[in-house]
């Protein structure tokens, strides 16, 4: 595989400007029930007037914005995932002294990588939709993944920053010559410079042919996981999970349940909450 450092690492070299002693909470997919349960957990652990909730800009979020503001909680967002998303997210995370997560969101890792203090809210379950074969890509039983997550959760802030930077590829920036030698050794020992998954489409055959004939050294991995996501649009996975409990205690009926449902355009959208503030009327075909 061709590995490169995550672009977020370049932000970690910039200065963090802390303007207020507020807490930023990374929200799960925003929705009626998810928000209600999150507010309950926040009221048990924090003074609500000192809390801002970071909402993911997916689906309809106006109901969530109104709900949190009505209950005295601030609301922020880094916007949609465009080319300036990381700039906005860095600027936003930099304003806070403490980042709180109720899931193992990527935003938690990014916050730790720039030296932020991180806390976790436990015993929190949320419900959302995902692609029908999501568990072909998420493996809660992976010993390596579980070891990393547990080390991350239990680490001190300084240790967590090192772990976060390492998983984002800090070796490439801190020891470039060592990483270069590793690549050259990998190239020398590789029988085939191009690794690919079996695929019979014309485009993939063309890419493979070009890769095999090029004289430029490199290792290219094509299609890893991309075509595995469901394109049938017939089924969707409905999931309820206490993510931290799953990682800490293993999968059980108490912390993970899921079932397949029919895909409904505009309603059962992957990565959005199940419970919504306004009912969406779907016309029958």
Protein backbone atom coordinates (compact mmCIF):
# COMPACT_ATOMS: atom_id res chain seq x y z
CA UNK A 1 0.00 0.00 0.00
CA UNK A 2 1.10 3.57 -0.63
CA UNK A 3 0.98 5.40 2.69
CA UNK A 4 1.26 9.13 3.27
CA UNK A 5 1.00 11.24 6.43
CA UNK A 6 -2.46 12.61 7.15
CA UNK A 7 -2.68 16.31 6.13
CA UNK A 8 -3.92 17.12 9.65
CA UNK A 9 -0.37 16.66 10.93
CA UNK A 10 0.67 19.89 9.22
CA UNK A 11 -1.92 21.74 11.35
CA UNK A 12 -0.40 20.23 14.49
CA UNK A 13 2.69 22.37 13.85
CA UNK A 14 0.64 25.55 14.05
CA UNK A 15 -0.06 27.49 17.21
CA UNK A 16 -3.34 26.80 19.05
CA UNK A 17 -5.22 29.94 20.01
CA UNK A 18 -7.38 29.28 23.07
CA UNK A 19 -9.90 32.07 23.53
CA UNK A 20 -12.29 30.65 26.14
CA UNK A 21 -12.55 28.05 28.87
CA UNK A 22 -15.38 26.13 27.26
CA UNK A 23 -15.95 22.46 26.60
CA UNK A 24 -16.51 21.18 23.06
CA UNK A 25 -18.56 17.98 22.73
CA UNK A 26 -18.30 15.94 19.54
CA UNK A 27 -21.87 14.95 18.73
CA UNK A 28 -22.95 11.63 17.22
CA UNK A 29 -25.25 11.87 14.15
CA UNK A 30 -27.67 14.65 15.21
CA UNK A 31 -31.29 13.64 15.69
CA UNK A 32 -34.15 13.83 18.18
CA UNK A 33 -33.37 10.84 20.41
CA UNK A 34 -29.58 11.07 20.07
CA UNK A 35 -29.68 14.74 21.09
CA UNK A 36 -32.01 14.11 24.04
CA UNK A 37 -29.79 11.37 25.46
CA UNK A 38 -26.66 13.46 24.90
CA UNK A 39 -28.18 16.43 26.73
CA UNK A 40 -29.02 14.15 29.66
CA UNK A 41 -25.41 12.94 29.86
CA UNK A 42 -24.04 16.47 29.54
CA UNK A 43 -26.28 17.78 32.34
CA UNK A 44 -24.94 15.02 34.62
CA UNK A 45 -21.29 15.87 33.96
CA UNK A 46 -20.96 19.54 32.97
CA UNK A 47 -22.40 22.98 33.51
CA UNK A 48 -24.47 23.37 30.33
CA UNK A 49 -23.72 27.08 30.01
CA UNK A 50 -20.03 26.18 29.45
CA UNK A 51 -20.69 23.57 26.74
CA UNK A 52 -20.72 23.78 22.95
CA UNK A 53 -21.80 20.85 20.80
CA UNK A 54 -20.08 20.21 17.47
CA UNK A 55 -22.73 18.99 15.03
CA UNK A 56 -21.87 17.00 11.95
CA UNK A 57 -23.28 18.75 8.91
CA UNK A 58 -25.15 15.71 7.59
CA UNK A 59 -28.82 15.65 6.78
CA UNK A 60 -31.24 18.08 8.43
CA UNK A 61 -29.62 19.64 11.52
CA UNK A 62 -31.88 22.64 12.16
CA UNK A 63 -33.92 20.67 14.71
CA UNK A 64 -30.75 19.80 16.63
CA UNK A 65 -29.53 23.39 16.57
CA UNK A 66 -32.83 24.64 17.99
CA UNK A 67 -32.95 21.87 20.62
CA UNK A 68 -29.52 22.54 22.08
CA UNK A 69 -29.86 26.31 22.00
CA UNK A 70 -33.25 26.07 23.73
CA UNK A 71 -31.55 24.10 26.52
CA UNK A 72 -28.69 26.56 26.99
CA UNK A 73 -26.02 24.67 25.04
CA UNK A 74 -23.95 26.35 22.34
CA UNK A 75 -23.82 24.90 18.83
CA UNK A 76 -20.95 24.97 16.31
CA UNK A 77 -20.19 23.20 13.05
CA UNK A 78 -17.21 22.86 10.73
CA UNK A 79 -19.56 22.83 7.76
CA UNK A 80 -19.65 20.47 4.82
CA UNK A 81 -16.71 18.28 3.79
CA UNK A 82 -15.19 20.51 1.13
CA UNK A 83 -11.54 21.42 0.43
CA UNK A 84 -11.51 23.92 3.34
CA UNK A 85 -13.05 21.57 5.91
CA UNK A 86 -9.82 20.81 7.80
CA UNK A 87 -8.95 24.52 7.98
CA UNK A 88 -12.30 25.27 9.58
CA UNK A 89 -12.09 22.27 11.91
CA UNK A 90 -8.60 23.24 13.10
CA UNK A 91 -9.70 26.81 13.74
CA UNK A 92 -12.70 25.54 15.69
CA UNK A 93 -10.90 22.93 17.81
CA UNK A 94 -8.15 25.42 18.61
CA UNK A 95 -10.60 27.59 20.54
CA UNK A 96 -11.27 25.01 23.24
CA UNK A 97 -9.28 23.72 26.18
CA UNK A 98 -11.14 20.44 26.45
CA UNK A 99 -12.73 18.16 23.85
CA UNK A 100 -15.33 15.59 24.92
CA UNK A 101 -16.46 12.53 22.99
CA UNK A 102 -19.22 9.98 23.52
CA UNK A 103 -17.99 7.96 20.52
CA UNK A 104 -14.57 7.20 19.10
CA UNK A 105 -15.02 9.87 16.45
CA UNK A 106 -12.16 10.79 14.13
CA UNK A 107 -12.50 14.36 15.45
CA UNK A 108 -11.32 13.08 18.85
CA UNK A 109 -8.13 11.72 17.29
CA UNK A 110 -7.58 14.97 15.39
CA UNK A 111 -8.09 17.03 18.55
CA UNK A 112 -5.62 14.89 20.50
CA UNK A 113 -3.07 15.24 17.70
CA UNK A 114 -2.94 19.01 18.21
CA UNK A 115 -2.48 18.61 21.96
CA UNK A 116 -6.02 19.06 23.23
CA UNK A 117 -7.19 17.57 26.52
CA UNK A 118 -9.74 14.82 25.79
CA UNK A 119 -12.46 13.28 27.95
CA UNK A 120 -15.05 10.59 27.21
CA UNK A 121 -18.70 10.25 28.21
CA UNK A 122 -19.49 6.62 28.93
CA UNK A 123 -22.75 4.65 28.98
CA UNK A 124 -24.12 6.54 25.98
CA UNK A 125 -25.92 4.78 23.12
CA UNK A 126 -26.95 6.37 19.85
CA UNK A 127 -28.90 5.14 16.85
CA UNK A 128 -28.15 5.76 13.20
CA UNK A 129 -28.26 4.35 9.67
CA UNK A 130 -25.28 2.98 7.76
CA UNK A 131 -24.61 0.99 4.60
CA UNK A 132 -25.92 -2.56 4.68
CA UNK A 133 -22.49 -4.20 4.86
CA UNK A 134 -20.80 -1.75 7.24
CA UNK A 135 -19.48 -4.61 9.38
CA UNK A 136 -17.37 -5.81 6.47
CA UNK A 137 -15.31 -2.68 7.21
CA UNK A 138 -15.74 -2.14 10.96
CA UNK A 139 -14.38 -4.98 13.08
CA UNK A 140 -14.96 -4.56 16.81
CA UNK A 141 -13.32 -7.94 17.37
CA UNK A 142 -9.94 -6.84 15.97
CA UNK A 143 -7.33 -7.25 18.76
CA UNK A 144 -5.09 -4.54 17.30
CA UNK A 145 -7.92 -2.04 16.93
CA UNK A 146 -9.19 -2.75 20.41
CA UNK A 147 -5.71 -2.42 21.91
CA UNK A 148 -5.22 0.96 20.25
CA UNK A 149 -8.64 2.28 21.29
CA UNK A 150 -8.22 1.16 24.91
CA UNK A 151 -4.72 2.63 25.10
CA UNK A 152 -6.08 5.87 23.65
CA UNK A 153 -9.00 6.06 26.07
CA UNK A 154 -6.91 5.31 29.16
CA UNK A 155 -3.85 7.40 28.23
CA UNK A 156 -2.82 10.72 29.71
CA UNK A 157 -3.25 13.77 27.47
CA UNK A 158 0.44 13.79 26.50
CA UNK A 159 0.44 10.05 25.74
CA UNK A 160 -2.79 10.42 23.79
CA UNK A 161 -1.25 13.13 21.64
CA UNK A 162 1.65 10.81 20.75
CA UNK A 163 -0.74 7.97 19.93
CA UNK A 164 -2.91 10.21 17.77
CA UNK A 165 0.05 11.61 15.86
CA UNK A 166 1.45 8.12 15.36
CA UNK A 167 -1.79 6.75 13.88
CA UNK A 168 -1.89 9.76 11.54
CA UNK A 169 1.59 8.93 10.23
CA UNK A 170 3.93 11.20 12.17
CA UNK A 171 6.86 8.89 11.32
CA UNK A 172 6.80 10.28 7.79
CA UNK A 173 7.43 13.79 9.05
CA UNK A 174 9.74 13.03 11.95
CA UNK A 175 11.86 10.28 10.36
CA UNK A 176 11.56 10.71 6.57
CA UNK A 177 14.84 8.94 5.77
CA UNK A 178 13.90 5.88 7.81
CA UNK A 179 10.52 5.68 6.07
CA UNK A 180 12.20 6.09 2.68
CA UNK A 181 14.47 3.12 3.40
CA UNK A 182 11.48 1.03 4.45
CA UNK A 183 9.78 1.77 1.14
CA UNK A 184 12.85 0.87 -0.86
CA UNK A 185 13.15 -2.43 1.03
CA UNK A 186 9.47 -3.12 0.39
CA UNK A 187 9.94 -2.41 -3.31
CA UNK A 188 12.98 -4.65 -3.52
CA UNK A 189 11.19 -7.57 -1.86
CA UNK A 190 7.92 -7.22 -3.77
CA UNK A 191 7.33 -9.70 -6.58
CA UNK A 192 4.57 -7.55 -8.05
CA UNK A 193 4.74 -3.79 -7.69
CA UNK A 194 1.03 -3.46 -8.32
CA UNK A 195 -1.38 -5.03 -5.88
CA UNK A 196 -5.05 -5.11 -6.80
CA UNK A 197 -8.29 -6.77 -5.96
CA UNK A 198 -9.87 -8.88 -8.66
CA UNK A 199 -12.12 -6.75 -10.78
CA UNK A 200 -13.15 -7.24 -14.37
CA UNK A 201 -14.23 -3.76 -15.34
CA UNK A 202 -12.51 -2.12 -18.27
CA UNK A 203 -11.32 0.84 -16.22
CA UNK A 204 -9.63 -1.35 -13.64
CA UNK A 205 -7.97 -3.50 -16.30
CA UNK A 206 -6.68 -0.34 -17.95
CA UNK A 207 -5.24 1.00 -14.67
CA UNK A 208 -3.58 -2.33 -13.95
CA UNK A 209 -2.06 -2.44 -17.43
CA UNK A 210 -0.71 1.07 -17.09
CA UNK A 211 0.70 0.32 -13.66
CA UNK A 212 2.48 -2.81 -14.83
CA UNK A 213 4.03 -1.13 -17.86
CA UNK A 214 5.23 2.06 -16.21
CA UNK A 215 8.93 2.36 -15.45
CA UNK A 216 8.30 4.60 -12.47
CA UNK A 217 8.81 2.66 -9.21
CA UNK A 218 5.99 2.65 -6.71
CA UNK A 219 3.44 0.56 -4.92
CA UNK A 220 -0.18 1.17 -5.86
CA UNK A 221 -3.19 -0.30 -4.20
CA UNK A 222 -6.39 -0.01 -6.20
CA UNK A 223 -9.93 -0.26 -5.06
CA UNK A 224 -9.36 -1.12 -1.41
CA UNK A 225 -12.86 -1.18 -0.01
CA UNK A 226 -14.37 1.29 -2.45
CA UNK A 227 -16.54 -1.11 -4.38
CA UNK A 228 -17.40 -3.05 -1.25
CA UNK A 229 -19.89 -0.46 -0.07
CA UNK A 230 -23.44 -1.19 -1.06
CA UNK A 231 -24.60 0.29 -4.35
CA UNK A 232 -27.82 -1.69 -4.50
CA UNK A 233 -29.75 0.98 -2.54
CA UNK A 234 -32.17 -1.79 -1.55
CA UNK A 235 -31.22 -2.24 2.10
CA UNK A 236 -29.79 -0.10 4.90
CA UNK A 237 -28.39 -1.06 8.30
CA UNK A 238 -30.09 0.40 11.36
CA UNK A 239 -27.66 0.40 14.28
CA UNK A 240 -27.84 1.20 17.98
CA UNK A 241 -24.47 1.20 19.68
CA UNK A 242 -22.66 2.23 22.84
CA UNK A 243 -19.35 2.51 21.05
CA UNK A 244 -17.07 2.96 24.04
CA UNK A 245 -18.65 -0.01 25.81
CA UNK A 246 -18.18 -2.20 22.74
CA UNK A 247 -14.47 -1.40 22.62
CA UNK A 248 -13.95 -1.74 26.37
CA UNK A 249 -16.14 -4.75 27.13
CA UNK A 250 -16.62 -6.54 23.84
CA UNK A 251 -19.79 -6.89 21.77
CA UNK A 252 -22.95 -7.82 23.67
CA UNK A 253 -26.72 -7.39 23.19
CA UNK A 254 -26.55 -4.55 25.71
CA UNK A 255 -24.16 -2.38 23.70
CA UNK A 256 -24.79 -3.27 20.04
CA UNK A 257 -27.88 -4.16 18.03
CA UNK A 258 -28.52 -3.86 14.32
CA UNK A 259 -30.93 -4.99 11.64
CA UNK A 260 -31.51 -4.48 7.93
CA UNK A 261 -34.31 -2.25 6.70
CA UNK A 262 -35.53 -1.18 3.29
CA UNK A 263 -33.69 1.77 1.81
CA UNK A 264 -35.96 4.85 1.65
CA UNK A 265 -34.50 7.75 -0.39
CA UNK A 266 -34.19 10.91 1.69
CA UNK A 267 -34.98 9.10 4.94
CA UNK A 268 -32.68 6.17 5.69
CA UNK A 269 -29.51 8.03 4.75
CA UNK A 270 -26.17 6.48 5.84
CA UNK A 271 -24.45 8.29 8.75
CA UNK A 272 -27.66 10.08 9.82
CA UNK A 273 -29.77 9.58 12.95
CA UNK A 274 -32.82 7.31 12.95
CA UNK A 275 -35.02 9.61 15.03
CA UNK A 276 -35.65 12.94 13.31
CA UNK A 277 -37.35 16.16 14.38
CA UNK A 278 -39.70 16.38 11.45
CA UNK A 279 -41.35 13.49 9.68
CA UNK A 280 -40.38 13.20 6.03
CA UNK A 281 -43.25 12.25 3.76
CA UNK A 282 -42.18 9.78 1.11
CA UNK A 283 -44.32 9.43 -1.97
CA UNK A 284 -45.06 5.87 -3.02
CA UNK A 285 -43.90 4.97 -6.48
